[in-house]
Protein backbone atom coordinates (compact mmCIF):
# COMPACT_ATOMS: atom_id res chain seq x y z
CA MET A 1 -16.59 59.19 5.39
CA SER A 2 -17.05 61.10 8.59
CA LYS A 3 -14.45 60.68 11.34
CA ASN A 4 -16.84 59.06 13.79
CA ASN A 5 -15.57 56.96 16.63
CA TYR A 6 -15.76 53.22 16.07
CA TYR A 7 -14.75 50.19 18.04
CA ILE A 8 -13.70 46.67 17.24
CA SER A 9 -14.99 43.86 19.42
CA VAL A 10 -12.15 41.32 19.30
CA GLY A 11 -13.06 37.61 19.13
CA GLU A 12 -9.56 36.29 18.43
CA PRO A 13 -7.21 36.32 20.15
CA TRP A 14 -9.74 35.39 22.81
CA ASP A 15 -7.60 36.80 25.64
CA PHE A 16 -7.01 40.22 24.04
CA ASN A 17 -6.76 43.19 26.43
CA SER A 18 -6.28 46.89 25.67
CA PRO A 19 -6.47 50.21 27.54
CA ASP A 20 -10.20 50.13 26.61
CA GLY A 21 -10.74 46.81 28.37
CA GLU A 22 -11.15 43.16 27.45
CA ASN A 23 -11.65 42.48 23.75
CA ILE A 24 -12.14 46.16 22.74
CA ILE A 25 -10.15 48.41 20.40
CA ARG A 26 -11.39 51.97 19.94
CA GLY A 27 -10.41 54.39 17.19
CA ILE A 28 -11.49 56.01 13.94
CA ILE A 29 -11.74 54.99 10.31
CA LEU A 30 -9.02 56.85 8.42
CA LYS A 31 -10.06 55.71 4.97
CA ILE A 32 -12.25 53.22 3.18
CA ILE A 33 -10.00 52.03 0.37
CA SER A 34 -12.65 49.79 -1.22
CA ALA A 35 -15.73 47.81 -0.26
CA THR A 36 -13.33 45.18 1.15
CA CYS A 37 -10.46 47.24 2.59
CA LEU A 38 -10.53 49.80 5.39
CA VAL A 39 -7.79 51.61 7.34
CA PHE A 40 -8.57 51.92 11.06
CA ARG A 41 -6.44 54.04 13.42
CA THR A 42 -6.51 52.84 17.01
CA ASN A 43 -6.38 55.25 19.96
CA TYR A 44 -3.10 53.62 21.11
CA HIS A 45 -0.34 51.39 19.80
CA LEU A 46 -0.91 47.67 19.64
CA ASP A 47 1.77 44.98 19.82
CA PHE A 48 1.25 41.59 18.21
CA GLU A 49 4.30 39.32 18.40
CA GLY A 50 6.74 42.21 18.05
CA VAL A 51 4.81 44.09 15.34
CA LYS A 52 3.76 47.44 16.79
CA GLY A 53 1.52 50.16 15.42
CA ASP A 54 -1.78 51.96 15.53
CA LYS A 55 -3.13 51.19 12.02
CA LEU A 56 -5.22 48.11 11.32
CA ILE A 57 -6.03 47.03 7.77
CA LEU A 58 -9.48 45.47 7.92
CA SER A 59 -11.30 43.21 5.48
CA PRO A 60 -14.80 41.70 5.82
CA ARG A 61 -14.96 38.05 6.84
CA HIS A 62 -18.19 37.50 4.89
CA VAL A 63 -18.69 38.07 1.15
CA GLU A 64 -21.98 39.93 1.62
CA ASN A 65 -20.38 42.60 3.85
CA ASN A 66 -19.30 45.93 2.40
CA PHE A 67 -17.49 48.72 4.30
CA TYR A 68 -19.50 51.41 2.50
CA ASP A 69 -22.50 50.09 4.47
CA LEU A 70 -20.96 51.41 7.72
CA ASP A 71 -21.70 54.98 6.62
CA LYS A 72 -25.23 53.92 5.69
CA GLY A 73 -26.05 52.73 9.21
CA SER A 74 -25.05 49.07 9.08
CA SER A 75 -24.86 47.99 12.70
CA LEU A 76 -21.64 45.94 12.49
CA ILE A 77 -19.35 44.12 10.08
CA THR A 78 -17.32 41.04 11.01
CA VAL A 79 -13.66 41.56 10.07
CA ASN A 80 -10.16 40.17 9.78
CA GLY A 81 -7.53 42.67 10.84
CA GLY A 82 -3.86 43.03 10.08
CA LEU A 83 -1.49 45.40 11.88
CA LEU A 84 0.32 47.69 9.43
CA PHE A 85 4.08 47.41 9.94
CA LYS A 86 5.18 50.31 7.75
CA ASP A 87 4.40 54.02 7.94
CA TYR A 88 0.92 54.82 6.72
CA ASP A 89 0.59 57.01 3.66
CA ASP A 90 -2.82 58.00 2.30
CA ASN A 91 -1.61 57.08 -1.20
CA LEU A 92 -0.79 53.42 -0.43
CA SER A 93 -2.75 51.00 -2.60
CA GLU A 94 -4.92 48.22 -1.23
CA GLU A 95 -2.29 45.70 -2.31
CA GLU A 96 0.51 47.63 -0.55
CA LEU A 97 -1.56 47.88 2.63
CA ARG A 98 -2.32 44.17 2.66
CA ASN A 99 1.26 43.17 1.81
CA ASN A 100 2.64 45.34 4.63
CA SER A 101 0.38 44.13 7.43
CA LYS A 102 0.51 41.14 9.75
CA PHE A 103 -2.72 39.25 10.49
CA ALA A 104 -3.59 40.00 14.11
CA ILE A 105 -7.32 39.87 14.95
CA ILE A 106 -10.77 38.58 14.12
CA GLY A 107 -13.65 40.67 15.37
CA SER A 108 -16.41 43.06 14.36
CA ILE A 109 -16.43 46.82 13.80
CA GLN A 110 -19.28 49.15 14.67
CA LYS A 111 -19.99 52.77 15.51
CA ASP A 112 -19.17 53.65 19.12
């Protein structure tokens, strides 16, 4: 996967604000773990109820969505996102990533 810039349009929490503006999180995809798990590094640290970090673990909200489609030109994928609360290691399994993240956002990811 190329290190293109992507952004997440945040739907929940509805009052989300970041340095990029209202309801926007910009960053890059670090790794697509599987069709249903993606590691997204934000351009800044986020803080959700005391959990801080710059890695979001994303999963599609709809069964028909597949993260491999992002590299094939899919316009956007609706996602659930959890903020990773441990240090990221490229060798972490999908299960470890999910178990070490706190649900934080609902939104959609697309190329910037």
